[in-house]
Amino acid sequence: MVPLSSLAIPIVLSAVFVFLASFVLHMAIEQWHKGDLDRLPDEDRVMDALRPFNLRPGNYAMPLPHGLAEMKSPGFVEKMKKGPVAFITVAEPGPPTMGKQLVLWFLYSIVVSIFAAYIASRALGYGADYLDVFRFAGTTAFAGYSLALMHESIWWRRKWSATIKSMIDGLIYALLTAGTLGWLWPRM
């Protein structure tokens, strides 16, 4: 067993590598995630129609039943048939900024690396073989970065193509995490 404190440098460094890889995947290879979202037809008119409602930032669904019983009511079923059926995330208005999201993403990457290091550190000791560290850390990191994404397509109807691409991103992040922990695993 290896104390987690002795893995602080590999944990932070793996998060840095993941952060840089996510930059490449989302900014440098712009086409990779370009089709994840679709543009609304006549976007300006839709925005103008929603603006008077002064929607607060949050997650909305329409139509949204008041309970399970209403889901079976003829009125609700008709609304579902008539459409549109939508899940909408409303963000704060203003110029695009990503500072907060980038900080949160980096912190999230550290958390995933901590879990990957923790699982590997409980299973393996000092001087563990690189591939053993890679296997434990990589599997844990993949679970942290990718597996929970599927529920977005299952329940919220996110495009499967977007989910699969994000899961491939997660695999890349997991490989970087596993490789970093394996490379810097304490020998003594």
N, C-alpha and C. Protein backbone atom coordinates (compact mmCIF):
# COMPACT_ATOMS: atom_id res chain seq x y z
N MET A 1 0.84 -1.17 0.00
CA MET A 1 0.00 0.00 0.00
C MET A 1 0.90 1.25 0.00
N VAL A 2 0.51 2.21 -0.84
CA VAL A 2 1.28 3.46 -0.96
C VAL A 2 0.43 4.60 -0.39
N PRO A 3 0.99 5.42 0.49
CA PRO A 3 0.21 6.56 0.99
C PRO A 3 -0.13 7.53 -0.14
N LEU A 4 -1.34 8.00 -0.13
CA LEU A 4 -1.81 8.91 -1.18
C LEU A 4 -0.96 10.18 -1.22
N SER A 5 -0.45 10.60 -0.07
CA SER A 5 0.36 11.82 -0.02
C SER A 5 1.62 11.70 -0.88
N SER A 6 2.13 10.50 -1.05
CA SER A 6 3.33 10.33 -1.87
C SER A 6 3.02 10.36 -3.37
N LEU A 7 1.73 10.48 -3.69
CA LEU A 7 1.31 10.53 -5.09
C LEU A 7 0.83 11.93 -5.50
N ALA A 8 1.10 12.93 -4.66
CA ALA A 8 0.61 14.28 -4.93
C ALA A 8 1.13 14.83 -6.26
N ILE A 9 2.41 14.67 -6.53
CA ILE A 9 2.97 15.19 -7.78
C ILE A 9 2.37 14.48 -8.99
N PRO A 10 2.32 13.14 -9.02
CA PRO A 10 1.69 12.50 -10.18
C PRO A 10 0.20 12.86 -10.33
N ILE A 11 -0.49 13.07 -9.23
CA ILE A 11 -1.91 13.45 -9.29
C ILE A 11 -2.06 14.80 -9.98
N VAL A 12 -1.31 15.79 -9.52
CA VAL A 12 -1.42 17.13 -10.09
C VAL A 12 -0.92 17.14 -11.54
N LEU A 13 0.18 16.46 -11.80
CA LEU A 13 0.73 16.44 -13.15
C LEU A 13 -0.23 15.74 -14.13
N SER A 14 -0.87 14.68 -13.69
CA SER A 14 -1.83 14.01 -14.58
C SER A 14 -3.01 14.93 -14.89
N ALA A 15 -3.44 15.73 -13.91
CA ALA A 15 -4.52 16.69 -14.15
C ALA A 15 -4.07 17.77 -15.13
N VAL A 16 -2.82 18.18 -15.05
CA VAL A 16 -2.29 19.15 -16.01
C VAL A 16 -2.31 18.56 -17.42
N PHE A 17 -1.86 17.31 -17.56
CA PHE A 17 -1.86 16.65 -18.88
C PHE A 17 -3.28 16.52 -19.43
N VAL A 18 -4.23 16.17 -18.57
CA VAL A 18 -5.63 16.07 -18.99
C VAL A 18 -6.14 17.44 -19.43
N PHE A 19 -5.82 18.46 -18.66
CA PHE A 19 -6.25 19.82 -18.99
C PHE A 19 -5.73 20.23 -20.37
N LEU A 20 -4.46 19.95 -20.63
CA LEU A 20 -3.87 20.28 -21.93
C LEU A 20 -4.50 19.46 -23.06
N ALA A 21 -4.74 18.18 -22.80
CA ALA A 21 -5.37 17.33 -23.82
C ALA A 21 -6.78 17.81 -24.13
N SER A 22 -7.51 18.25 -23.11
CA SER A 22 -8.87 18.73 -23.36
C SER A 22 -8.84 20.01 -24.19
N PHE A 23 -7.82 20.83 -24.00
CA PHE A 23 -7.66 22.02 -24.83
C PHE A 23 -7.47 21.60 -26.29
N VAL A 24 -6.61 20.64 -26.51
CA VAL A 24 -6.36 20.18 -27.88
C VAL A 24 -7.65 19.62 -28.49
N LEU A 25 -8.37 18.80 -27.75
CA LEU A 25 -9.57 18.16 -28.28
C LEU A 25 -10.70 19.15 -28.55
N HIS A 26 -10.79 20.20 -27.75
CA HIS A 26 -11.91 21.13 -27.90
C HIS A 26 -11.57 22.41 -28.66
N MET A 27 -10.31 22.80 -28.68
CA MET A 27 -9.96 24.06 -29.32
C MET A 27 -9.11 23.85 -30.57
N ALA A 28 -8.07 23.05 -30.46
CA ALA A 28 -7.16 22.87 -31.60
C ALA A 28 -7.77 21.98 -32.67
N ILE A 29 -8.49 20.96 -32.25
CA ILE A 29 -9.17 20.07 -33.20
C ILE A 29 -10.65 20.45 -33.16
N GLU A 30 -10.96 21.63 -33.65
CA GLU A 30 -12.28 22.23 -33.54
C GLU A 30 -13.39 21.34 -34.13
N GLN A 31 -13.10 20.64 -35.18
CA GLN A 31 -14.12 19.81 -35.86
C GLN A 31 -14.59 18.63 -35.00
N TRP A 32 -13.78 18.18 -34.07
CA TRP A 32 -14.09 16.97 -33.29
C TRP A 32 -15.44 17.09 -32.58
N HIS A 33 -15.72 18.20 -31.94
CA HIS A 33 -16.97 18.36 -31.19
C HIS A 33 -17.96 19.32 -31.87
N LYS A 34 -17.65 19.73 -33.10
CA LYS A 34 -18.47 20.73 -33.79
C LYS A 34 -19.93 20.32 -33.93
N GLY A 35 -20.23 19.07 -34.19
CA GLY A 35 -21.61 18.63 -34.40
C GLY A 35 -22.34 18.19 -33.15
N ASP A 36 -21.77 18.44 -31.98
CA ASP A 36 -22.41 17.99 -30.74
C ASP A 36 -23.73 18.70 -30.46
N LEU A 37 -23.84 19.96 -30.89
CA LEU A 37 -25.06 20.74 -30.69
C LEU A 37 -25.60 21.17 -32.05
N ASP A 38 -26.91 21.26 -32.16
CA ASP A 38 -27.55 21.72 -33.39
C ASP A 38 -28.05 23.14 -33.21
N ARG A 39 -27.99 23.92 -34.28
CA ARG A 39 -28.50 25.29 -34.26
C ARG A 39 -30.01 25.24 -34.47
N LEU A 40 -30.73 26.03 -33.68
CA LEU A 40 -32.18 26.14 -33.86
C LEU A 40 -32.47 26.87 -35.17
N PRO A 41 -33.50 26.43 -35.89
CA PRO A 41 -33.88 27.21 -37.07
C PRO A 41 -34.41 28.57 -36.60
N ASP A 42 -34.02 29.61 -37.27
CA ASP A 42 -34.42 30.97 -36.93
C ASP A 42 -34.14 31.26 -35.44
N GLU A 43 -32.88 31.04 -35.09
CA GLU A 43 -32.42 31.19 -33.71
C GLU A 43 -32.83 32.53 -33.09
N ASP A 44 -32.68 33.60 -33.84
CA ASP A 44 -33.01 34.93 -33.30
C ASP A 44 -34.47 35.02 -32.89
N ARG A 45 -35.37 34.47 -33.69
CA ARG A 45 -36.80 34.52 -33.35
C ARG A 45 -37.10 33.68 -32.12
N VAL A 46 -36.47 32.52 -32.00
CA VAL A 46 -36.68 31.68 -30.81
C VAL A 46 -36.17 32.42 -29.57
N MET A 47 -34.99 33.05 -29.67
CA MET A 47 -34.46 33.81 -28.54
C MET A 47 -35.38 34.98 -28.18
N ASP A 48 -35.87 35.68 -29.20
CA ASP A 48 -36.80 36.79 -28.95
C ASP A 48 -38.08 36.30 -28.28
N ALA A 49 -38.56 35.09 -28.67
CA ALA A 49 -39.78 34.55 -28.09
C ALA A 49 -39.58 34.16 -26.62
N LEU A 50 -38.40 33.68 -26.26
CA LEU A 50 -38.14 33.25 -24.88
C LEU A 50 -37.75 34.42 -23.96
N ARG A 51 -37.17 35.47 -24.51
CA ARG A 51 -36.65 36.57 -23.71
C ARG A 51 -37.68 37.17 -22.74
N PRO A 52 -38.96 37.40 -23.14
CA PRO A 52 -39.92 38.00 -22.21
C PRO A 52 -40.18 37.15 -20.96
N PHE A 53 -39.85 35.87 -20.99
CA PHE A 53 -40.08 35.02 -19.82
C PHE A 53 -38.99 35.20 -18.76
N ASN A 54 -37.90 35.90 -19.12
CA ASN A 54 -36.83 36.18 -18.17
C ASN A 54 -36.43 34.92 -17.39
N LEU A 55 -36.14 33.87 -18.13
CA LEU A 55 -35.79 32.58 -17.52
C LEU A 55 -34.51 32.71 -16.69
N ARG A 56 -34.58 32.25 -15.46
CA ARG A 56 -33.41 32.23 -14.60
C ARG A 56 -32.49 31.09 -15.07
N PRO A 57 -31.20 31.19 -14.82
CA PRO A 57 -30.33 30.07 -15.16
C PRO A 57 -30.81 28.80 -14.46
N GLY A 58 -30.83 27.71 -15.21
CA GLY A 58 -31.28 26.44 -14.67
C GLY A 58 -31.57 25.46 -15.78
N ASN A 59 -32.10 24.32 -15.39
CA ASN A 59 -32.44 23.26 -16.33
C ASN A 59 -33.95 23.14 -16.39
N TYR A 60 -34.48 23.15 -17.59
CA TYR A 60 -35.92 23.13 -17.80
C TYR A 60 -36.28 21.98 -18.74
N ALA A 61 -37.51 21.51 -18.61
CA ALA A 61 -38.07 20.52 -19.53
C ALA A 61 -39.45 21.00 -19.93
N MET A 62 -39.81 20.72 -21.18
CA MET A 62 -41.17 21.03 -21.61
C MET A 62 -41.65 19.96 -22.57
N PRO A 63 -42.85 19.51 -22.39
CA PRO A 63 -43.71 19.77 -21.23
C PRO A 63 -43.18 19.03 -20.00
N LEU A 64 -43.52 19.54 -18.84
CA LEU A 64 -43.08 18.96 -17.58
C LEU A 64 -44.31 18.66 -16.73
N PRO A 65 -44.55 17.38 -16.44
CA PRO A 65 -45.73 17.03 -15.62
C PRO A 65 -45.51 17.42 -14.16
N HIS A 66 -46.62 17.61 -13.45
CA HIS A 66 -46.54 17.93 -12.02
C HIS A 66 -46.30 16.68 -11.18
N GLY A 67 -46.45 15.51 -11.76
CA GLY A 67 -46.23 14.26 -11.04
C GLY A 67 -46.44 13.09 -11.99
N LEU A 68 -46.24 11.88 -11.46
CA LEU A 68 -46.37 10.68 -12.28
C LEU A 68 -47.78 10.48 -12.82
N ALA A 69 -48.76 10.83 -12.01
CA ALA A 69 -50.15 10.64 -12.44
C ALA A 69 -50.46 11.50 -13.67
N GLU A 70 -49.93 12.72 -13.70
CA GLU A 70 -50.21 13.60 -14.83
C GLU A 70 -49.60 13.08 -16.13
N MET A 71 -48.53 12.30 -16.03
CA MET A 71 -47.89 11.78 -17.24
C MET A 71 -48.85 10.92 -18.07
N LYS A 72 -49.84 10.34 -17.40
CA LYS A 72 -50.80 9.47 -18.09
C LYS A 72 -52.05 10.22 -18.54
N SER A 73 -52.17 11.47 -18.12
CA SER A 73 -53.39 12.21 -18.44
C SER A 73 -53.44 12.52 -19.94
N PRO A 74 -54.64 12.53 -20.51
CA PRO A 74 -54.78 12.81 -21.95
C PRO A 74 -54.19 14.17 -22.35
N GLY A 75 -54.33 15.18 -21.49
CA GLY A 75 -53.80 16.50 -21.81
C GLY A 75 -52.29 16.49 -21.93
N PHE A 76 -51.63 15.80 -21.00
CA PHE A 76 -50.16 15.74 -21.04
C PHE A 76 -49.69 14.91 -22.22
N VAL A 77 -50.34 13.78 -22.46
CA VAL A 77 -49.97 12.93 -23.59
C VAL A 77 -50.11 13.71 -24.89
N GLU A 78 -51.15 14.52 -25.00
CA GLU A 78 -51.35 15.34 -26.20
C GLU A 78 -50.23 16.37 -26.37
N LYS A 79 -49.83 17.00 -25.25
CA LYS A 79 -48.71 17.95 -25.31
C LYS A 79 -47.44 17.26 -25.81
N MET A 80 -47.20 16.04 -25.33
CA MET A 80 -46.01 15.29 -25.76
C MET A 80 -46.08 14.97 -27.25
N LYS A 81 -47.26 14.58 -27.71
CA LYS A 81 -47.42 14.26 -29.13
C LYS A 81 -47.26 15.50 -30.01
N LYS A 82 -47.84 16.61 -29.55
CA LYS A 82 -47.83 17.84 -30.32
C LYS A 82 -46.43 18.46 -30.38
N GLY A 83 -45.69 18.39 -29.25
CA GLY A 83 -44.34 18.93 -29.19
C GLY A 83 -44.33 20.44 -29.25
N PRO A 84 -43.19 21.06 -29.24
CA PRO A 84 -41.90 20.39 -29.12
C PRO A 84 -41.66 19.87 -27.70
N VAL A 85 -40.89 18.80 -27.63
CA VAL A 85 -40.44 18.24 -26.36
C VAL A 85 -38.99 18.68 -26.24
N ALA A 86 -38.63 19.33 -25.15
CA ALA A 86 -37.29 19.89 -25.04
C ALA A 86 -36.75 19.82 -23.63
N PHE A 87 -35.45 19.70 -23.55
CA PHE A 87 -34.69 19.87 -22.31
C PHE A 87 -33.79 21.07 -22.58
N ILE A 88 -33.89 22.09 -21.75
CA ILE A 88 -33.20 23.35 -22.01
C ILE A 88 -32.35 23.71 -20.79
N THR A 89 -31.10 24.04 -21.05
CA THR A 89 -30.25 24.60 -20.01
C THR A 89 -30.09 26.08 -20.31
N VAL A 90 -30.46 26.90 -19.36
CA VAL A 90 -30.36 28.35 -19.51
C VAL A 90 -29.18 28.81 -18.66
N ALA A 91 -28.27 29.55 -19.30
CA ALA A 91 -27.09 30.08 -18.61
C ALA A 91 -27.27 31.58 -18.39
N GLU A 92 -26.39 32.13 -17.56
CA GLU A 92 -26.39 33.59 -17.33
C GLU A 92 -26.15 34.29 -18.66
N PRO A 93 -26.90 35.35 -18.95
CA PRO A 93 -26.60 36.11 -20.16
C PRO A 93 -25.31 36.90 -19.99
N GLY A 94 -24.68 37.21 -21.09
CA GLY A 94 -23.46 38.00 -21.06
C GLY A 94 -22.44 37.47 -22.04
N PRO A 95 -21.33 38.16 -22.16
CA PRO A 95 -20.31 37.72 -23.10
C PRO A 95 -19.75 36.36 -22.69
N PRO A 96 -19.33 35.56 -23.67
CA PRO A 96 -18.81 34.23 -23.33
C PRO A 96 -17.52 34.32 -22.53
N THR A 97 -17.52 33.66 -21.39
CA THR A 97 -16.31 33.54 -20.56
C THR A 97 -16.20 32.09 -20.13
N MET A 98 -15.00 31.64 -19.94
CA MET A 98 -14.81 30.24 -19.57
C MET A 98 -13.94 30.07 -18.34
N GLY A 99 -13.58 31.16 -17.69
CA GLY A 99 -12.67 31.08 -16.55
C GLY A 99 -13.16 30.14 -15.46
N LYS A 100 -14.39 30.33 -15.03
CA LYS A 100 -14.94 29.49 -13.95
C LYS A 100 -15.00 28.03 -14.38
N GLN A 101 -15.46 27.77 -15.61
CA GLN A 101 -15.56 26.39 -16.09
C GLN A 101 -14.18 25.74 -16.19
N LEU A 102 -13.17 26.50 -16.62
CA LEU A 102 -11.82 25.94 -16.73
C LEU A 102 -11.25 25.59 -15.36
N VAL A 103 -11.49 26.46 -14.37
CA VAL A 103 -11.04 26.16 -13.01
C VAL A 103 -11.75 24.90 -12.49
N LEU A 104 -13.07 24.85 -12.67
CA LEU A 104 -13.83 23.67 -12.21
C LEU A 104 -13.39 22.41 -12.94
N TRP A 105 -13.10 22.51 -14.23
CA TRP A 105 -12.63 21.34 -15.00
C TRP A 105 -11.29 20.85 -14.45
N PHE A 106 -10.38 21.77 -14.15
CA PHE A 106 -9.09 21.37 -13.61
C PHE A 106 -9.26 20.71 -12.25
N LEU A 107 -10.10 21.28 -11.40
CA LEU A 107 -10.37 20.68 -10.08
C LEU A 107 -11.00 19.29 -10.23
N TYR A 108 -11.91 19.16 -11.19
CA TYR A 108 -12.53 17.85 -11.45
C TYR A 108 -11.46 16.85 -11.89
N SER A 109 -10.54 17.28 -12.74
CA SER A 109 -9.47 16.40 -13.19
C SER A 109 -8.59 15.96 -12.02
N ILE A 110 -8.36 16.85 -11.08
CA ILE A 110 -7.60 16.48 -9.88
C ILE A 110 -8.38 15.44 -9.08
N VAL A 111 -9.69 15.64 -8.93
CA VAL A 111 -10.51 14.69 -8.18
C VAL A 111 -10.46 13.30 -8.83
N VAL A 112 -10.60 13.23 -10.15
CA VAL A 112 -10.54 11.93 -10.84
C VAL A 112 -9.17 11.31 -10.62
N SER A 113 -8.11 12.11 -10.71
CA SER A 113 -6.76 11.59 -10.49
C SER A 113 -6.57 11.10 -9.06
N ILE A 114 -7.17 11.79 -8.10
CA ILE A 114 -7.09 11.33 -6.71
C ILE A 114 -7.75 9.96 -6.56
N PHE A 115 -8.93 9.80 -7.15
CA PHE A 115 -9.60 8.50 -7.05
C PHE A 115 -8.78 7.41 -7.75
N ALA A 116 -8.24 7.72 -8.93
CA ALA A 116 -7.43 6.74 -9.66
C ALA A 116 -6.20 6.36 -8.84
N ALA A 117 -5.54 7.35 -8.25
CA ALA A 117 -4.36 7.09 -7.43
C ALA A 117 -4.74 6.31 -6.17
N TYR A 118 -5.88 6.66 -5.57
CA TYR A 118 -6.31 5.97 -4.36
C TYR A 118 -6.55 4.48 -4.61
N ILE A 119 -7.31 4.19 -5.68
CA ILE A 119 -7.59 2.78 -5.98
C ILE A 119 -6.29 2.01 -6.25
N ALA A 120 -5.41 2.60 -7.05
CA ALA A 120 -4.13 1.95 -7.34
C ALA A 120 -3.28 1.81 -6.08
N SER A 121 -3.31 2.84 -5.23
CA SER A 121 -2.47 2.81 -4.02
C SER A 121 -2.96 1.78 -3.00
N ARG A 122 -4.24 1.45 -3.02
CA ARG A 122 -4.76 0.43 -2.10
C ARG A 122 -4.45 -0.98 -2.63
N ALA A 123 -4.36 -1.11 -3.94
CA ALA A 123 -4.15 -2.42 -4.55
C ALA A 123 -2.67 -2.76 -4.72
N LEU A 124 -1.83 -1.74 -4.84
CA LEU A 124 -0.43 -1.95 -5.20
C LEU A 124 0.50 -1.31 -4.19
N GLY A 125 1.70 -1.81 -4.13
CA GLY A 125 2.68 -1.26 -3.21
C GLY A 125 3.75 -0.47 -3.94
N TYR A 126 4.75 -0.05 -3.16
CA TYR A 126 5.90 0.64 -3.74
C TYR A 126 6.54 -0.26 -4.79
N GLY A 127 7.06 0.37 -5.84
CA GLY A 127 7.76 -0.37 -6.88
C GLY A 127 6.87 -1.24 -7.74
N ALA A 128 5.56 -0.99 -7.73
CA ALA A 128 4.65 -1.79 -8.54
C ALA A 128 4.99 -1.64 -10.02
N ASP A 129 4.70 -2.68 -10.75
CA ASP A 129 4.94 -2.69 -12.19
C ASP A 129 4.11 -1.60 -12.88
N TYR A 130 4.71 -0.94 -13.85
CA TYR A 130 4.05 0.14 -14.59
C TYR A 130 2.68 -0.30 -15.11
N LEU A 131 2.61 -1.45 -15.72
CA LEU A 131 1.34 -1.90 -16.32
C LEU A 131 0.27 -2.19 -15.27
N ASP A 132 0.68 -2.64 -14.09
CA ASP A 132 -0.30 -2.85 -13.03
C ASP A 132 -0.89 -1.51 -12.56
N VAL A 133 -0.02 -0.52 -12.37
CA VAL A 133 -0.50 0.81 -11.99
C VAL A 133 -1.40 1.36 -13.10
N PHE A 134 -0.95 1.21 -14.34
CA PHE A 134 -1.69 1.71 -15.49
C PHE A 134 -3.09 1.09 -15.54
N ARG A 135 -3.19 -0.19 -15.29
CA ARG A 135 -4.49 -0.89 -15.35
C ARG A 135 -5.44 -0.38 -14.27
N PHE A 136 -5.00 -0.32 -13.03
CA PHE A 136 -5.88 0.13 -11.94
C PHE A 136 -6.25 1.60 -12.11
N ALA A 137 -5.25 2.44 -12.35
CA ALA A 137 -5.50 3.88 -12.46
C ALA A 137 -6.32 4.19 -13.71
N GLY A 138 -6.00 3.53 -14.81
CA GLY A 138 -6.71 3.80 -16.06
C GLY A 138 -8.18 3.40 -16.00
N THR A 139 -8.45 2.26 -15.42
CA THR A 139 -9.84 1.81 -15.31
C THR A 139 -10.65 2.76 -14.43
N THR A 140 -10.06 3.17 -13.32
CA THR A 140 -10.75 4.10 -12.43
C THR A 140 -10.96 5.46 -13.09
N ALA A 141 -9.92 5.96 -13.76
CA ALA A 141 -10.03 7.27 -14.42
C ALA A 141 -11.06 7.20 -15.56
N PHE A 142 -11.09 6.09 -16.29
CA PHE A 142 -12.09 5.97 -17.36
C PHE A 142 -13.50 6.01 -16.79
N ALA A 143 -13.70 5.34 -15.67
CA ALA A 143 -15.02 5.38 -15.03
C ALA A 143 -15.36 6.82 -14.62
N GLY A 144 -14.38 7.55 -14.10
CA GLY A 144 -14.61 8.92 -13.66
C GLY A 144 -14.88 9.89 -14.80
N TYR A 145 -14.21 9.70 -15.91
CA TYR A 145 -14.35 10.63 -17.03
C TYR A 145 -15.46 10.24 -18.01
N SER A 146 -15.82 8.96 -18.10
CA SER A 146 -16.67 8.53 -19.22
C SER A 146 -17.98 7.85 -18.89
N LEU A 147 -18.00 6.95 -17.95
CA LEU A 147 -19.18 6.09 -17.80
C LEU A 147 -20.46 6.84 -17.46
N ALA A 148 -20.36 7.88 -16.65
CA ALA A 148 -21.57 8.61 -16.26
C ALA A 148 -22.14 9.45 -17.40
N LEU A 149 -21.40 9.60 -18.49
CA LEU A 149 -21.90 10.39 -19.62
C LEU A 149 -23.07 9.71 -20.33
N MET A 150 -23.13 8.39 -20.27
CA MET A 150 -24.17 7.67 -21.00
C MET A 150 -25.57 8.03 -20.54
N HIS A 151 -25.72 8.35 -19.28
CA HIS A 151 -27.08 8.68 -18.80
C HIS A 151 -27.62 9.94 -19.47
N GLU A 152 -26.74 10.81 -19.96
CA GLU A 152 -27.20 12.01 -20.68
C GLU A 152 -27.95 11.62 -21.96
N SER A 153 -27.47 10.59 -22.64
CA SER A 153 -28.16 10.13 -23.85
C SER A 153 -29.37 9.26 -23.51
N ILE A 154 -29.26 8.50 -22.45
CA ILE A 154 -30.36 7.61 -22.07
C ILE A 154 -31.56 8.42 -21.59
N TRP A 155 -31.35 9.35 -20.67
CA TRP A 155 -32.46 10.06 -20.04
C TRP A 155 -32.74 11.43 -20.63
N TRP A 156 -31.72 12.16 -21.04
CA TRP A 156 -31.91 13.54 -21.50
C TRP A 156 -31.82 13.66 -23.01
N ARG A 157 -31.71 12.54 -23.69
CA ARG A 157 -31.76 12.46 -25.15
C ARG A 157 -30.65 13.24 -25.85
N ARG A 158 -29.53 13.36 -25.18
CA ARG A 158 -28.36 13.95 -25.83
C ARG A 158 -27.98 13.04 -26.99
N LYS A 159 -27.48 13.62 -28.06
CA LYS A 159 -27.09 12.81 -29.21
C LYS A 159 -26.06 11.77 -28.80
N TRP A 160 -26.28 10.52 -29.20
CA TRP A 160 -25.33 9.46 -28.87
C TRP A 160 -23.96 9.76 -29.46
N SER A 161 -23.92 10.38 -30.64
CA SER A 161 -22.63 10.69 -31.25
C SER A 161 -21.82 11.65 -30.35
N ALA A 162 -22.49 12.61 -29.73
CA ALA A 162 -21.81 13.54 -28.83
C ALA A 162 -21.33 12.81 -27.58
N THR A 163 -22.16 11.92 -27.06
CA THR A 163 -21.77 11.16 -25.87
C THR A 163 -20.58 10.26 -26.17
N ILE A 164 -20.62 9.56 -27.28
CA ILE A 164 -19.52 8.66 -27.63
C ILE A 164 -18.22 9.44 -27.83
N LYS A 165 -18.29 10.60 -28.49
CA LYS A 165 -17.08 11.41 -28.66
C LYS A 165 -16.54 11.86 -27.29
N SER A 166 -17.44 12.25 -26.40
CA SER A 166 -17.00 12.65 -25.06
C SER A 166 -16.41 11.48 -24.29
N MET A 167 -16.93 10.29 -24.53
CA MET A 167 -16.37 9.10 -23.88
C MET A 167 -14.99 8.76 -24.45
N ILE A 168 -14.80 9.01 -25.73
CA ILE A 168 -13.46 8.83 -26.32
C ILE A 168 -12.50 9.83 -25.71
N ASP A 169 -12.96 11.08 -25.54
CA ASP A 169 -12.15 12.07 -24.82
C ASP A 169 -11.77 11.51 -23.45
N GLY A 170 -12.77 10.95 -22.74
CA GLY A 170 -12.53 10.39 -21.41
C GLY A 170 -11.52 9.27 -21.43
N LEU A 171 -11.55 8.46 -22.49
CA LEU A 171 -10.55 7.39 -22.62
C LEU A 171 -9.16 7.99 -22.76
N ILE A 172 -9.03 9.03 -23.56
CA ILE A 172 -7.73 9.70 -23.71
C ILE A 172 -7.27 10.27 -22.37
N TYR A 173 -8.18 10.91 -21.65
CA TYR A 173 -7.83 11.46 -20.33
C TYR A 173 -7.43 10.34 -19.36
N ALA A 174 -8.13 9.22 -19.43
CA ALA A 174 -7.81 8.09 -18.55
C ALA A 174 -6.43 7.53 -18.88
N LEU A 175 -6.11 7.43 -20.16
CA LEU A 175 -4.80 6.92 -20.56
C LEU A 175 -3.69 7.85 -20.09
N LEU A 176 -3.92 9.16 -20.18
CA LEU A 176 -2.93 10.12 -19.69
C LEU A 176 -2.76 10.02 -18.17
N THR A 177 -3.87 9.88 -17.48
CA THR A 177 -3.82 9.73 -16.01
C THR A 177 -3.07 8.46 -15.64
N ALA A 178 -3.44 7.36 -16.27
CA ALA A 178 -2.79 6.07 -15.98
C ALA A 178 -1.31 6.11 -16.32
N GLY A 179 -0.98 6.69 -17.46
CA GLY A 179 0.42 6.76 -17.86
C GLY A 179 1.25 7.61 -16.91
N THR A 180 0.69 8.72 -16.46
CA THR A 180 1.41 9.59 -15.54
C THR A 180 1.62 8.91 -14.19
N LEU A 181 0.56 8.28 -13.68
CA LEU A 181 0.70 7.60 -12.38
C LEU A 181 1.66 6.42 -12.49
N GLY A 182 1.61 5.67 -13.58
CA GLY A 182 2.53 4.56 -13.78
C GLY A 182 3.97 5.04 -13.89
N TRP A 183 4.17 6.12 -14.62
CA TRP A 183 5.51 6.68 -14.83
C TRP A 183 6.12 7.18 -13.53
N LEU A 184 5.32 7.87 -12.69
CA LEU A 184 5.83 8.49 -11.47
C LEU A 184 5.51 7.70 -10.20
N TRP A 185 5.11 6.46 -10.35
CA TRP A 185 4.77 5.63 -9.19
C TRP A 185 6.00 5.48 -8.28
N PRO A 186 5.84 5.69 -6.98
CA PRO A 186 6.99 5.60 -6.07
C PRO A 186 7.65 4.21 -6.09
N ARG A 187 8.96 4.22 -6.16
CA ARG A 187 9.71 2.95 -6.19
C ARG A 187 10.06 2.45 -4.80
N MET A 188 10.22 3.34 -3.86
CA MET A 188 10.62 2.91 -2.51
C MET A 188 9.73 3.56 -1.48
